[in-house]
Protein backbone atom coordinates (compact mmCIF):
# COMPACT_ATOMS: atom_id res chain seq x y z
CA UNK A 1 0.00 0.00 0.00
CA UNK A 2 1.08 3.52 -0.69
CA UNK A 3 0.05 6.33 1.63
CA UNK A 4 0.25 9.89 0.32
CA UNK A 5 -0.75 12.93 2.34
CA UNK A 6 -2.56 15.69 0.50
CA UNK A 7 -3.70 19.07 1.71
CA UNK A 8 -6.95 20.43 0.33
CA UNK A 9 -9.17 23.34 1.20
CA UNK A 10 -11.48 20.96 3.11
CA UNK A 11 -8.63 19.61 5.24
CA UNK A 12 -6.19 16.77 5.15
CA UNK A 13 -6.92 13.65 3.13
CA UNK A 14 -5.01 10.44 2.45
CA UNK A 15 -4.80 8.45 -0.73
CA UNK A 16 -4.28 4.72 -0.58
CA UNK A 17 -3.42 2.41 -3.43
CA UNK A 18 -4.99 -1.03 -3.05
CA UNK A 19 -5.07 -4.14 -5.21
CA UNK A 20 -8.15 -6.30 -5.81
CA UNK A 21 -8.54 -9.68 -7.47
CA UNK A 22 -10.76 -9.89 -10.55
CA UNK A 23 -13.51 -11.47 -8.45
CA UNK A 24 -13.33 -8.72 -5.82
CA UNK A 25 -13.39 -6.02 -8.48
CA UNK A 26 -16.41 -7.63 -10.12
CA UNK A 27 -18.30 -7.34 -6.82
CA UNK A 28 -17.23 -3.72 -6.42
CA UNK A 29 -18.30 -2.83 -9.97
CA UNK A 30 -21.78 -4.24 -9.29
CA UNK A 31 -22.16 -1.61 -6.55
CA UNK A 32 -21.58 1.33 -8.91
CA UNK A 33 -24.68 3.44 -9.03
CA UNK A 34 -25.81 2.00 -5.69
CA UNK A 35 -22.93 3.07 -3.44
CA UNK A 36 -21.45 5.78 -5.65
CA UNK A 37 -20.64 6.64 -9.22
CA UNK A 38 -16.85 6.38 -9.34
CA UNK A 39 -14.38 3.69 -8.31
CA UNK A 40 -12.92 5.64 -5.38
CA UNK A 41 -16.35 6.70 -4.14
CA UNK A 42 -17.66 3.12 -4.15
CA UNK A 43 -14.60 1.73 -2.35
CA UNK A 44 -14.68 4.58 0.20
CA UNK A 45 -18.37 3.94 0.89
CA UNK A 46 -17.76 0.19 1.29
CA UNK A 47 -15.06 0.91 3.88
CA UNK A 48 -17.24 3.43 5.73
CA UNK A 49 -20.18 1.01 5.71
CA UNK A 50 -17.99 -1.73 7.18
CA UNK A 51 -16.70 0.62 9.88
CA UNK A 52 -20.27 1.64 10.73
CA UNK A 53 -21.36 -2.00 10.85
CA UNK A 54 -18.60 -2.71 13.38
CA UNK A 55 -19.74 0.32 15.44
CA UNK A 56 -16.35 1.95 14.97
CA UNK A 57 -17.81 5.14 13.52
CA UNK A 58 -20.15 5.78 16.44
CA UNK A 59 -17.42 4.77 18.91
CA UNK A 60 -15.02 7.27 17.38
CA UNK A 61 -17.63 10.02 17.57
CA UNK A 62 -18.34 9.15 21.22
CA UNK A 63 -14.60 9.10 21.93
CA UNK A 64 -14.45 5.43 22.95
CA UNK A 65 -12.20 4.44 20.05
CA UNK A 66 -13.76 1.13 19.10
CA UNK A 67 -10.33 -0.25 18.19
CA UNK A 68 -10.50 -3.13 20.66
CA UNK A 69 -13.44 -4.89 18.99
CA UNK A 70 -12.81 -8.28 17.46
CA UNK A 71 -13.06 -8.42 13.67
C-alpha atoms as a PDB file:
ATOM      1  CA  UNK A   1       0.000   0.000   0.000  1.00  0.00           C
ATOM      2  CA  UNK A   2       1.085   3.523  -0.690  1.00  0.00           C
ATOM      3  CA  UNK A   3       0.047   6.333   1.626  1.00  0.00           C
ATOM      4  CA  UNK A   4       0.251   9.886   0.324  1.00  0.00           C
ATOM      5  CA  UNK A   5      -0.752  12.934   2.336  1.00  0.00           C
ATOM      6  CA  UNK A   6      -2.557  15.694   0.499  1.00  0.00           C
ATOM      7  CA  UNK A   7      -3.702  19.074   1.713  1.00  0.00           C
ATOM      8  CA  UNK A   8      -6.946  20.434   0.334  1.00  0.00           C
ATOM      9  CA  UNK A   9      -9.174  23.339   1.202  1.00  0.00           C
ATOM     10  CA  UNK A  10     -11.479  20.959   3.109  1.00  0.00           C
ATOM     11  CA  UNK A  11      -8.631  19.614   5.241  1.00  0.00           C
ATOM     12  CA  UNK A  12      -6.186  16.765   5.152  1.00  0.00           C
ATOM     13  CA  UNK A  13      -6.922  13.651   3.125  1.00  0.00           C
ATOM     14  CA  UNK A  14      -5.011  10.437   2.454  1.00  0.00           C
ATOM     15  CA  UNK A  15      -4.798   8.445  -0.731  1.00  0.00           C
ATOM     16  CA  UNK A  16      -4.277   4.716  -0.578  1.00  0.00           C
ATOM     17  CA  UNK A  17      -3.417   2.414  -3.426  1.00  0.00           C
ATOM     18  CA  UNK A  18      -4.994  -1.032  -3.055  1.00  0.00           C
ATOM     19  CA  UNK A  19      -5.071  -4.138  -5.212  1.00  0.00           C
ATOM     20  CA  UNK A  20      -8.155  -6.299  -5.813  1.00  0.00           C
ATOM     21  CA  UNK A  21      -8.541  -9.684  -7.473  1.00  0.00           C
ATOM     22  CA  UNK A  22     -10.762  -9.886 -10.555  1.00  0.00           C
ATOM     23  CA  UNK A  23     -13.513 -11.469  -8.452  1.00  0.00           C
ATOM     24  CA  UNK A  24     -13.326  -8.717  -5.817  1.00  0.00           C
ATOM     25  CA  UNK A  25     -13.393  -6.017  -8.480  1.00  0.00           C
ATOM     26  CA  UNK A  26     -16.408  -7.630 -10.123  1.00  0.00           C
ATOM     27  CA  UNK A  27     -18.303  -7.340  -6.817  1.00  0.00           C
ATOM     28  CA  UNK A  28     -17.227  -3.716  -6.425  1.00  0.00           C
ATOM     29  CA  UNK A  29     -18.302  -2.825  -9.972  1.00  0.00           C
ATOM     30  CA  UNK A  30     -21.778  -4.244  -9.295  1.00  0.00           C
ATOM     31  CA  UNK A  31     -22.161  -1.615  -6.550  1.00  0.00           C
ATOM     32  CA  UNK A  32     -21.576   1.330  -8.909  1.00  0.00           C
ATOM     33  CA  UNK A  33     -24.685   3.436  -9.030  1.00  0.00           C
ATOM     34  CA  UNK A  34     -25.807   2.003  -5.687  1.00  0.00           C
ATOM     35  CA  UNK A  35     -22.926   3.067  -3.438  1.00  0.00           C
ATOM     36  CA  UNK A  36     -21.453   5.784  -5.652  1.00  0.00           C
ATOM     37  CA  UNK A  37     -20.645   6.639  -9.220  1.00  0.00           C
ATOM     38  CA  UNK A  38     -16.850   6.378  -9.343  1.00  0.00           C
ATOM     39  CA  UNK A  39     -14.385   3.687  -8.310  1.00  0.00           C
ATOM     40  CA  UNK A  40     -12.924   5.641  -5.385  1.00  0.00           C
ATOM     41  CA  UNK A  41     -16.351   6.704  -4.135  1.00  0.00           C
ATOM     42  CA  UNK A  42     -17.662   3.122  -4.153  1.00  0.00           C
ATOM     43  CA  UNK A  43     -14.595   1.728  -2.352  1.00  0.00           C
ATOM     44  CA  UNK A  44     -14.678   4.577   0.197  1.00  0.00           C
ATOM     45  CA  UNK A  45     -18.367   3.941   0.892  1.00  0.00           C
ATOM     46  CA  UNK A  46     -17.758   0.194   1.289  1.00  0.00           C
ATOM     47  CA  UNK A  47     -15.063   0.907   3.884  1.00  0.00           C
ATOM     48  CA  UNK A  48     -17.236   3.431   5.727  1.00  0.00           C
ATOM     49  CA  UNK A  49     -20.180   1.010   5.709  1.00  0.00           C
ATOM     50  CA  UNK A  50     -17.988  -1.729   7.177  1.00  0.00           C
ATOM     51  CA  UNK A  51     -16.705   0.622   9.883  1.00  0.00           C
ATOM     52  CA  UNK A  52     -20.274   1.643  10.732  1.00  0.00           C
ATOM     53  CA  UNK A  53     -21.358  -2.002  10.852  1.00  0.00           C
ATOM     54  CA  UNK A  54     -18.596  -2.708  13.377  1.00  0.00           C
ATOM     55  CA  UNK A  55     -19.742   0.323  15.442  1.00  0.00           C
ATOM     56  CA  UNK A  56     -16.350   1.950  14.966  1.00  0.00           C
ATOM     57  CA  UNK A  57     -17.814   5.141  13.518  1.00  0.00           C
ATOM     58  CA  UNK A  58     -20.151   5.779  16.444  1.00  0.00           C
ATOM     59  CA  UNK A  59     -17.419   4.767  18.910  1.00  0.00           C
ATOM     60  CA  UNK A  60     -15.017   7.270  17.376  1.00  0.00           C
ATOM     61  CA  UNK A  61     -17.629  10.024  17.570  1.00  0.00           C
ATOM     62  CA  UNK A  62     -18.338   9.153  21.219  1.00  0.00           C
ATOM     63  CA  UNK A  63     -14.596   9.096  21.929  1.00  0.00           C
ATOM     64  CA  UNK A  64     -14.455   5.432  22.953  1.00  0.00           C
ATOM     65  CA  UNK A  65     -12.201   4.441  20.047  1.00  0.00           C
ATOM     66  CA  UNK A  66     -13.756   1.129  19.101  1.00  0.00           C
ATOM     67  CA  UNK A  67     -10.334  -0.249  18.194  1.00  0.00           C
ATOM     68  CA  UNK A  68     -10.497  -3.132  20.656  1.00  0.00           C
ATOM     69  CA  UNK A  69     -13.443  -4.887  18.993  1.00  0.00           C
ATOM     70  CA  UNK A  70     -12.805  -8.280  17.458  1.00  0.00           C
ATOM     71  CA  UNK A  71     -13.060  -8.421  13.667  1.00  0.00           C
END
